[in-house]
Amino acid sequence: MKRGWDNHEQDNTSNKRVKAADPMAVNSMVYNNTDLLNQAYTDLVLTSGTKVNNYIFLQDNLILTDSTGEFKPIFKDKPNSKSRVFLLIEEIFKNITKRHITFNCDAAGNVLKDRENFITRAITDEFAFYTNSPFTLEEFESLQNKVYTLAKTQPQNCHFILSSFAVKTTKDIIMNVVVHIECGENPKMCFIVKNDESNIDPVYRTTINNQIKNLKNLNPDNTKQSDLPKININHIAYDFTLNNVIECRSSGGKKFLSCVDICLDHQDGIAKNNLLNFFTYKQKNHADLTQSLNSKLIPLQCAHTVTSRYIEIIEKSVAGMITHADAKHFKDEGDNAPILDFEDLPVVNFGYAERDLIITKPRICGLLAPTLLDRAKSINKDIIASNMKAITPVFATTKIVKNQEKIRESDVLNLLLLNNNGPARAIVLN
């Protein structure tokens, strides 16, 4: 099948597509061309100047394949599909973490001070982890506890969007699940369920009373959030959720929004709808004075990921800066950052089709789409005004600040949205 990047002509002659070695001789996915990425990081820092300390930067690594994991019947008798999928996840972690440490961490693996807002992400396309039979809730819980343990050993600012897994509920309904992971000592994991099934999605079968029965994929029209199950990760209950908006934070304390549309969810504008719900939540829950003001504000930078098989980007559904993980519709103009390099990866441990590692240039994470941005700014303005009226008397009595500082409204937003870790200040709006 012809993929979106096959006709891409790169300016740098050293950026040629590299055919993987004999799969029998390769047992891990390792990216060795560090010079290209190092130069890209250097260029970005030089052109960004002081923005390095003010904004979130993203460097994406897309792992795409023209397959649906091991779903096809050819692997019905291939053993240990569910245990081997973890070996693939380990390989992805190893590959991405190695690159992240090389460019963003010191010899001990600690994030460098001038790289505290640089996020390295790995993103797969839809169905990449579909096994030859769906995970039961117990099996998926066991797998994700292993992933959690693995994520604890990775440096901060490494994020993984693993798309997607087939998980069977106790009612024999199949959920299409993306796992969103922020690594570090206390990993943050979210289990996003596809809202809108497609009539071409994989359909699992089971045998009941000697008759073959199709298992139904989750139908959003018949499903509420309260209907979805939970699993325990590190002894804490986690929801499977229809909400695909996640508030992320870098090791430097900067926040950004990560939205993940799964194929038809993008067509239906699920991310945009959930962002509006998130804005409403923020607007209604900002009175708690035990929280910092920054934690109450809506981040304005937004990374909108569409993971699919297959769908094109729909302009009216775009919520922020797009990253499109789709083997057929991936392209290097508009949807994603420019391609820096790419490789063919052999079939290792899991699956039956070659994978393509698409390495993009690092870039500043973009802002929310215009209408969403205006709405977020308006709500942030109200939150700032409301909170300052409440906390100014506290500042005055505790002498945290001696004088109120009167500055322009635009300066207020810049100060409070970008300088997350700055000293507390009492501000009066004009």
Protein backbone atom coordinates (compact mmCIF):
# COMPACT_ATOMS: atom_id res chain seq x y z
CA MET A 1 0.00 0.00 0.00
CA LYS A 2 1.25 3.49 -0.83
CA ARG A 3 1.79 5.52 2.34
CA GLY A 4 1.60 9.27 2.70
CA TRP A 5 5.34 9.79 3.08
CA ASP A 6 6.53 7.52 0.24
CA ASN A 7 6.86 10.41 -2.25
CA HIS A 8 8.38 12.79 0.28
CA GLU A 9 11.56 14.39 -1.05
CA GLN A 10 13.92 15.38 1.73
CA ASP A 11 16.36 18.26 1.40
CA ASN A 12 19.16 16.57 3.32
CA THR A 13 20.68 13.79 1.22
CA SER A 14 21.66 11.94 4.39
CA ASN A 15 17.98 11.59 5.30
CA LYS A 16 17.34 8.62 3.08
CA ARG A 17 14.92 5.91 4.03
CA VAL A 18 16.90 3.10 5.60
CA LYS A 19 15.80 -0.46 5.00
CA ALA A 20 15.95 -2.52 8.19
CA ALA A 21 18.43 -5.31 8.47
CA ASP A 22 17.42 -8.95 8.27
CA PRO A 23 14.67 -9.37 10.92
CA MET A 24 16.35 -12.54 12.11
CA ALA A 25 19.45 -10.53 12.95
CA VAL A 26 17.67 -7.61 14.65
CA ASN A 27 16.14 -8.00 18.09
CA SER A 28 15.48 -4.41 19.04
CA MET A 29 14.40 -1.11 17.51
CA VAL A 30 17.40 1.22 17.80
CA TYR A 31 17.74 4.64 16.18
CA ASN A 32 21.38 5.65 15.76
CA ASN A 33 21.33 8.75 13.54
CA THR A 34 21.72 11.28 16.36
CA ASP A 35 23.36 14.06 14.33
CA LEU A 36 20.15 15.06 12.54
CA LEU A 37 18.10 15.31 15.70
CA ASN A 38 20.87 17.05 17.61
CA GLN A 39 21.06 19.75 14.92
CA ALA A 40 17.27 20.10 14.92
CA TYR A 41 17.24 20.64 18.68
CA THR A 42 20.09 23.16 18.44
CA ASP A 43 18.32 25.10 15.69
CA LEU A 44 15.08 25.16 17.65
CA VAL A 45 16.72 26.44 20.83
CA LEU A 46 18.64 29.12 18.95
CA THR A 47 15.56 30.39 17.13
CA SER A 48 13.34 30.19 20.22
CA GLY A 49 15.49 32.24 22.57
CA THR A 50 13.72 32.92 25.86
CA LYS A 51 10.73 30.89 24.70
CA VAL A 52 12.56 27.76 25.87
CA ASN A 53 11.55 28.66 29.41
CA ASN A 54 8.02 29.74 28.53
CA TYR A 55 6.51 27.11 26.28
CA ILE A 56 6.09 23.40 25.80
CA PHE A 57 8.14 21.83 23.00
CA LEU A 58 7.21 18.50 21.40
CA GLN A 59 9.25 16.00 19.41
CA ASP A 60 7.09 13.22 17.98
CA ASN A 61 8.02 9.69 16.99
CA LEU A 62 5.28 7.98 15.00
CA ILE A 63 5.31 4.19 14.77
CA LEU A 64 2.98 3.24 11.93
CA THR A 65 2.05 -0.08 10.34
CA ASP A 66 -0.29 -1.37 7.67
CA SER A 67 -1.81 -3.96 9.99
CA THR A 68 -4.13 -4.56 12.91
CA GLY A 69 -1.64 -6.09 15.34
CA GLU A 70 -2.28 -9.85 15.42
CA PHE A 71 -6.02 -9.67 14.92
CA LYS A 72 -6.13 -11.51 11.59
CA PRO A 73 -7.16 -15.20 11.71
CA ILE A 74 -3.73 -16.28 10.48
CA PHE A 75 -2.53 -15.90 14.06
CA LYS A 76 -5.40 -17.68 15.78
CA ASP A 77 -3.05 -20.50 16.72
CA LYS A 78 0.02 -18.36 17.37
CA PRO A 79 0.63 -18.65 21.12
CA ASN A 80 1.20 -15.97 23.77
CA SER A 81 -0.10 -13.04 21.76
CA LYS A 82 -1.02 -11.14 24.92
CA SER A 83 2.33 -11.65 26.62
CA ARG A 84 4.32 -10.83 23.48
CA VAL A 85 2.55 -7.50 23.09
CA PHE A 86 4.35 -6.33 26.23
CA LEU A 87 7.67 -7.16 24.56
CA LEU A 88 6.74 -4.77 21.75
CA ILE A 89 5.84 -2.06 24.28
CA GLU A 90 9.22 -2.57 25.98
CA GLU A 91 10.97 -2.13 22.64
CA ILE A 92 9.09 1.11 21.94
CA PHE A 93 9.95 2.46 25.40
CA LYS A 94 13.61 1.51 24.93
CA ASN A 95 13.86 3.23 21.58
CA ILE A 96 12.14 6.48 22.53
CA THR A 97 13.69 6.80 25.99
CA LYS A 98 17.19 6.37 24.58
CA ARG A 99 16.68 9.31 22.24
CA HIS A 100 15.00 11.44 24.93
CA ILE A 101 17.88 10.92 27.37
CA THR A 102 20.48 11.70 24.69
CA PHE A 103 19.09 15.15 23.99
CA ASN A 104 17.30 16.19 27.17
CA CYS A 105 19.00 14.56 30.18
CA ASP A 106 22.36 14.46 31.95
CA ALA A 107 24.47 11.33 32.44
CA ALA A 108 22.37 10.36 35.46
CA GLY A 109 19.13 10.57 33.47
CA ASN A 110 17.93 13.80 35.08
CA VAL A 111 16.23 16.34 32.83
CA LEU A 112 18.52 19.27 31.98
CA LYS A 113 17.42 22.67 33.27
CA ASP A 114 17.06 24.16 29.80
CA ARG A 115 15.11 21.12 28.60
CA GLU A 116 12.49 20.91 31.35
CA ASN A 117 9.72 21.76 28.91
CA PHE A 118 10.85 19.48 26.07
CA ILE A 119 8.48 16.52 25.67
CA THR A 120 9.42 13.42 23.66
CA ARG A 121 6.39 11.44 22.50
CA ALA A 122 5.85 8.04 20.89
CA ILE A 123 2.52 7.53 19.11
CA THR A 124 1.20 4.45 17.32
CA ASP A 125 -1.70 4.20 14.91
CA GLU A 126 -5.03 2.55 15.67
CA PHE A 127 -5.20 -1.23 16.37
CA ALA A 128 -1.39 -1.58 16.71
CA PHE A 129 -1.83 -3.71 19.85
CA TYR A 130 -4.85 -5.76 18.84
CA THR A 131 -4.18 -9.35 19.93
CA ASN A 132 -5.58 -12.54 18.41
CA SER A 133 -8.27 -12.52 21.09
CA PRO A 134 -9.40 -9.51 23.15
CA PHE A 135 -8.00 -8.81 26.60
CA THR A 136 -10.27 -9.60 29.51
CA LEU A 137 -10.37 -6.87 32.15
CA GLU A 138 -8.14 -8.99 34.40
CA GLU A 139 -5.60 -9.59 31.63
CA PHE A 140 -5.55 -5.93 30.65
CA GLU A 141 -5.12 -4.88 34.28
CA SER A 142 -2.14 -7.22 34.60
CA LEU A 143 -0.56 -5.87 31.41
CA GLN A 144 -1.02 -2.24 32.36
CA ASN A 145 0.48 -2.79 35.80
CA LYS A 146 3.60 -4.02 34.00
CA VAL A 147 3.50 -0.93 31.78
CA TYR A 148 3.12 1.26 34.90
CA THR A 149 6.20 -0.35 36.46
CA LEU A 150 8.10 0.22 33.22
CA ALA A 151 6.98 3.88 33.05
CA LYS A 152 8.26 4.47 36.61
CA THR A 153 11.80 3.75 35.44
CA GLN A 154 11.67 6.20 32.52
CA PRO A 155 12.69 9.87 32.76
CA GLN A 156 10.16 12.66 33.05
CA ASN A 157 8.84 14.29 29.88
CA CYS A 158 8.65 10.94 28.04
CA HIS A 159 5.05 10.45 26.89
CA PHE A 160 3.54 7.43 25.14
CA ILE A 161 0.23 7.23 23.29
CA LEU A 162 -0.29 3.50 22.74
CA SER A 163 -3.09 2.96 20.24
CA SER A 164 -4.93 0.73 20.57
CA PHE A 165 -5.98 -2.36 22.56
CA ALA A 166 -9.11 -4.51 22.38
CA VAL A 167 -10.56 -5.00 25.87
CA LYS A 168 -13.65 -7.12 26.57
CA THR A 169 -16.04 -6.07 29.33
CA THR A 170 -17.92 -8.49 31.57
CA LYS A 171 -20.89 -7.97 29.23
CA ASP A 172 -18.85 -9.20 26.24
CA ILE A 173 -18.58 -5.72 24.71
CA ILE A 174 -15.27 -4.81 23.03
CA MET A 175 -13.74 -1.45 23.98
CA ASN A 176 -11.14 0.10 21.66
CA VAL A 177 -8.69 1.59 24.20
CA VAL A 178 -5.78 4.02 23.84
CA VAL A 179 -3.36 4.19 26.77
CA HIS A 180 -1.90 7.67 27.39
CA ILE A 181 1.20 7.63 29.61
CA GLU A 182 3.31 10.37 31.20
CA CYS A 183 6.47 8.75 32.56
CA GLY A 184 8.38 9.49 35.74
CA GLU A 185 8.54 8.40 39.36
CA ASN A 186 4.76 8.66 39.61
CA PRO A 187 3.46 7.84 36.13
CA LYS A 188 0.15 9.28 34.98
CA MET A 189 -1.96 6.88 32.93
CA CYS A 190 -5.28 7.39 31.19
CA PHE A 191 -7.41 4.78 29.42
CA ILE A 192 -9.31 6.47 26.59
CA VAL A 193 -12.16 4.54 24.98
CA LYS A 194 -13.15 5.13 21.37
CA ASN A 195 -16.50 6.92 21.33
CA ASP A 196 -17.68 6.02 17.85
CA GLU A 197 -17.29 2.57 16.32
CA SER A 198 -16.84 2.06 12.59
CA ASN A 199 -18.43 -0.67 10.52
CA ILE A 200 -14.96 -1.63 9.30
CA ASP A 201 -13.42 -1.99 12.77
CA PRO A 202 -12.16 -5.48 13.65
CA VAL A 203 -14.90 -7.77 14.97
CA TYR A 204 -13.94 -10.57 17.33
CA ARG A 205 -15.82 -13.85 17.43
CA THR A 206 -16.53 -16.37 20.14
CA THR A 207 -18.15 -19.79 20.23
CA ILE A 208 -21.28 -20.31 22.36
CA ASN A 209 -23.10 -23.65 22.30
CA ASN A 210 -21.15 -24.68 19.22
CA GLN A 211 -22.26 -21.56 17.38
CA ILE A 212 -19.99 -18.72 16.29
CA LYS A 213 -21.08 -15.36 17.64
CA ASN A 214 -19.73 -11.89 16.81
CA LEU A 215 -18.74 -9.82 19.81
CA LYS A 216 -20.15 -6.31 19.63
CA ASN A 217 -17.89 -3.27 19.63
CA LEU A 218 -18.87 -0.57 22.11
CA ASN A 219 -21.76 1.56 20.86
CA PRO A 220 -21.66 5.09 22.28
CA ASP A 221 -25.39 5.54 21.79
CA ASN A 222 -25.98 2.81 24.34
CA THR A 223 -23.13 3.69 26.69
CA LYS A 224 -22.67 6.21 29.49
CA GLN A 225 -19.46 6.96 31.35
CA SER A 226 -20.94 5.30 34.43
CA ASP A 227 -21.36 2.07 32.44
CA LEU A 228 -17.63 1.72 31.82
CA PRO A 229 -15.53 -0.53 34.09
CA LYS A 230 -12.48 0.24 36.23
CA ILE A 231 -9.16 -1.50 36.69
CA ASN A 232 -6.61 -1.23 39.50
CA ILE A 233 -3.17 0.12 38.64
CA ASN A 234 -0.65 0.17 41.48
CA HIS A 235 -3.58 -0.45 43.89
CA ILE A 236 -5.49 2.61 42.65
CA ALA A 237 -8.76 2.42 40.70
CA TYR A 238 -8.57 3.84 37.17
CA ASP A 239 -11.56 4.54 34.95
CA PHE A 240 -11.92 3.63 31.34
CA THR A 241 -13.11 6.96 30.00
CA LEU A 242 -14.88 8.47 27.00
CA ASN A 243 -13.12 11.76 27.81
CA ASN A 244 -10.14 12.22 25.50
CA VAL A 245 -8.76 15.47 26.97
CA ILE A 246 -5.79 15.21 29.33
CA GLU A 247 -4.10 18.06 31.20
CA CYS A 248 -0.36 17.32 31.10
CA ARG A 249 2.53 18.95 32.95
CA SER A 250 6.24 19.02 32.11
CA SER A 251 9.00 18.52 34.68
CA GLY A 252 9.42 22.30 34.50
CA GLY A 253 5.84 22.81 35.67
CA LYS A 254 4.40 24.01 32.36
CA LYS A 255 0.97 22.71 31.46
CA PHE A 256 -0.49 21.78 28.11
CA LEU A 257 -3.53 19.90 26.85
CA SER A 258 -3.25 16.55 25.09
CA CYS A 259 -6.33 15.46 23.10
CA VAL A 260 -6.55 12.04 21.47
CA ASP A 261 -9.19 11.42 18.81
CA ILE A 262 -9.49 7.76 17.78
CA CYS A 263 -10.44 7.65 14.07
CA LEU A 264 -14.19 8.45 13.74
CA ASP A 265 -14.07 10.37 17.01
CA HIS A 266 -12.23 13.02 15.00
CA GLN A 267 -14.99 13.15 12.40
CA ASP A 268 -17.51 13.65 15.21
CA GLY A 269 -15.48 16.43 16.86
CA ILE A 270 -15.18 14.56 20.17
CA ALA A 271 -12.00 16.37 21.25
CA LYS A 272 -13.53 19.80 20.66
CA ASN A 273 -16.69 18.85 22.54
CA ASN A 274 -14.73 17.44 25.47
CA LEU A 275 -12.54 20.53 25.59
CA LEU A 276 -15.64 22.69 26.01
CA ASN A 277 -16.74 20.40 28.85
CA PHE A 278 -13.27 20.74 30.37
CA PHE A 279 -13.51 24.54 30.13
CA THR A 280 -16.87 24.46 31.92
CA TYR A 281 -15.39 22.30 34.67
CA LYS A 282 -12.52 24.75 35.15
CA GLN A 283 -14.92 27.66 35.22
CA LYS A 284 -17.03 26.07 37.95
CA ASN A 285 -14.21 24.73 40.12
CA HIS A 286 -11.80 27.58 40.72
CA ALA A 287 -12.78 28.74 44.21
CA ASP A 288 -10.50 26.37 46.19
CA LEU A 289 -7.82 28.63 47.70
CA THR A 290 -5.65 25.61 48.58
CA GLN A 291 -4.85 25.25 44.87
CA SER A 292 -2.39 27.49 43.09
CA LEU A 293 -3.84 29.93 40.61
CA ASN A 294 -1.90 28.29 37.82
CA SER A 295 -3.50 24.91 38.51
CA LYS A 296 -6.93 26.47 38.00
CA LEU A 297 -6.20 28.12 34.67
CA ILE A 298 -6.83 26.50 31.31
CA PRO A 299 -3.57 25.77 29.45
CA LEU A 300 -3.53 27.48 26.07
CA GLN A 301 -1.11 25.12 24.33
CA CYS A 302 -2.86 22.06 22.90
CA ALA A 303 -1.47 18.95 21.21
CA HIS A 304 -4.26 17.28 19.23
CA THR A 305 -3.43 13.70 18.23
CA VAL A 306 -5.52 11.77 15.72
CA THR A 307 -4.74 8.05 15.73
CA SER A 308 -6.59 6.18 13.04
CA ARG A 309 -6.95 3.48 10.39
CA TYR A 310 -7.90 5.37 8.31
CA ILE A 311 -9.25 8.94 8.31
CA GLU A 312 -8.20 12.31 6.92
CA ILE A 313 -7.84 15.41 9.05
CA ILE A 314 -11.09 17.39 9.16
CA GLU A 315 -10.47 21.11 9.57
CA LYS A 316 -13.64 21.86 11.55
CA SER A 317 -12.68 19.17 14.10
CA VAL A 318 -9.14 20.43 14.74
CA ALA A 319 -8.71 21.45 18.38
CA GLY A 320 -5.01 22.36 18.48
CA MET A 321 -1.67 21.47 16.93
CA ILE A 322 -2.24 18.28 14.93
CA THR A 323 -0.21 15.10 14.99
CA HIS A 324 -1.71 12.48 12.67
CA ALA A 325 -0.77 8.83 13.34
CA ASP A 326 -2.20 7.12 10.28
CA ALA A 327 -0.22 4.90 7.91
CA LYS A 328 -2.35 5.81 4.90
CA HIS A 329 -3.06 9.51 5.43
CA PHE A 330 0.12 10.62 7.16
CA LYS A 331 1.71 13.48 5.26
CA ASP A 332 4.45 16.02 5.76
CA GLU A 333 2.55 19.17 4.89
CA GLY A 334 0.25 20.76 7.44
CA ASP A 335 -0.85 17.85 9.61
CA ASN A 336 2.48 16.98 11.23
CA ALA A 337 5.84 18.52 11.95
CA PRO A 338 8.34 18.19 9.09
CA ILE A 339 9.95 14.76 8.84
CA LEU A 340 13.48 14.68 10.19
CA ASP A 341 14.25 11.03 9.48
CA PHE A 342 12.57 7.67 9.12
CA GLU A 343 13.33 3.96 9.21
CA ASP A 344 11.73 0.65 8.41
CA LEU A 345 11.52 -1.46 11.55
CA PRO A 346 11.44 -5.26 11.42
CA VAL A 347 8.71 -7.42 12.88
CA VAL A 348 9.97 -8.05 16.41
CA ASN A 349 8.11 -10.01 19.09
CA PHE A 350 4.60 -9.04 17.99
CA GLY A 351 2.63 -8.44 14.80
CA TYR A 352 3.01 -9.50 11.18
CA ALA A 353 3.76 -6.30 9.26
CA GLU A 354 6.80 -4.06 9.10
CA ARG A 355 6.61 -0.85 11.12
CA ASP A 356 7.75 2.59 10.04
CA LEU A 357 9.39 4.91 12.56
CA ILE A 358 8.70 8.51 11.51
CA ILE A 359 10.87 10.98 13.42
CA THR A 360 9.69 14.58 13.28
CA LYS A 361 11.53 17.78 13.99
CA PRO A 362 10.94 19.23 17.47
CA ARG A 363 8.52 22.17 17.50
CA ILE A 364 6.78 24.51 19.88
CA CYS A 365 3.42 23.06 20.84
CA GLY A 366 0.73 25.13 19.16
CA LEU A 367 -2.22 26.90 20.72
CA LEU A 368 -5.86 25.88 20.90
CA ALA A 369 -7.90 26.37 17.75
CA PRO A 370 -9.04 30.03 17.46
CA THR A 371 -12.61 29.72 18.80
CA LEU A 372 -11.46 27.47 21.64
CA LEU A 373 -8.56 29.82 22.39
CA ASP A 374 -10.86 32.83 22.69
CA ARG A 375 -13.15 30.90 25.03
CA ALA A 376 -10.25 29.68 27.19
CA LYS A 377 -8.78 33.19 27.47
CA SER A 378 -12.14 34.59 28.50
CA ILE A 379 -12.57 31.98 31.23
CA ASN A 380 -8.98 32.47 32.43
CA LYS A 381 -9.62 36.20 32.69
CA ASP A 382 -12.65 35.55 34.91
CA ILE A 383 -10.73 33.03 37.04
CA ILE A 384 -7.86 35.48 37.55
CA ALA A 385 -10.19 38.33 38.51
CA SER A 386 -12.22 36.15 40.88
CA ASN A 387 -9.18 34.64 42.59
CA MET A 388 -7.35 37.92 42.97
CA LYS A 389 -10.32 39.47 44.75
CA ALA A 390 -10.32 36.53 47.14
CA ILE A 391 -6.59 36.28 47.86
CA THR A 392 -5.48 39.94 47.91
CA PRO A 393 -6.61 40.39 51.56
CA VAL A 394 -4.69 37.25 52.48
CA PHE A 395 -1.55 38.60 50.84
CA ALA A 396 -1.96 41.92 52.62
CA THR A 397 -2.28 40.40 56.11
CA THR A 398 0.56 37.90 55.68
CA LYS A 399 2.81 40.47 53.99
CA ILE A 400 3.58 38.08 51.14
CA VAL A 401 3.46 41.18 48.99
CA LYS A 402 3.52 44.72 50.25
CA ASN A 403 2.04 46.53 47.31
CA GLN A 404 -0.46 45.65 44.65
CA GLU A 405 0.87 45.95 41.15
CA LYS A 406 -1.42 47.33 38.51
CA ILE A 407 -0.60 46.08 35.00
CA ARG A 408 -2.32 45.56 31.67
CA GLU A 409 -4.70 42.66 31.22
CA SER A 410 -2.48 41.11 28.54
CA ASP A 411 0.48 41.23 30.93
CA VAL A 412 -1.60 39.47 33.58
CA LEU A 413 -2.34 36.59 31.23
CA ASN A 414 1.26 36.34 30.06
CA LEU A 415 2.59 36.41 33.61
CA LEU A 416 0.21 33.87 35.07
CA LEU A 417 -0.05 31.51 32.10
CA LEU A 418 3.65 31.28 31.34
CA ASN A 419 5.46 31.78 34.65
CA ASN A 420 4.01 28.86 36.57
CA ASN A 421 6.64 28.74 39.28
CA GLY A 422 7.04 32.45 39.92
CA PRO A 423 6.37 34.14 43.27
CA ALA A 424 2.82 34.81 44.38
CA ARG A 425 1.69 38.30 43.37
CA ALA A 426 -1.46 40.31 44.01
CA ILE A 427 -2.70 41.77 40.75
CA VAL A 428 -5.51 44.20 40.06
CA LEU A 429 -7.07 44.17 36.61
CA ASN A 430 -7.64 47.47 34.78
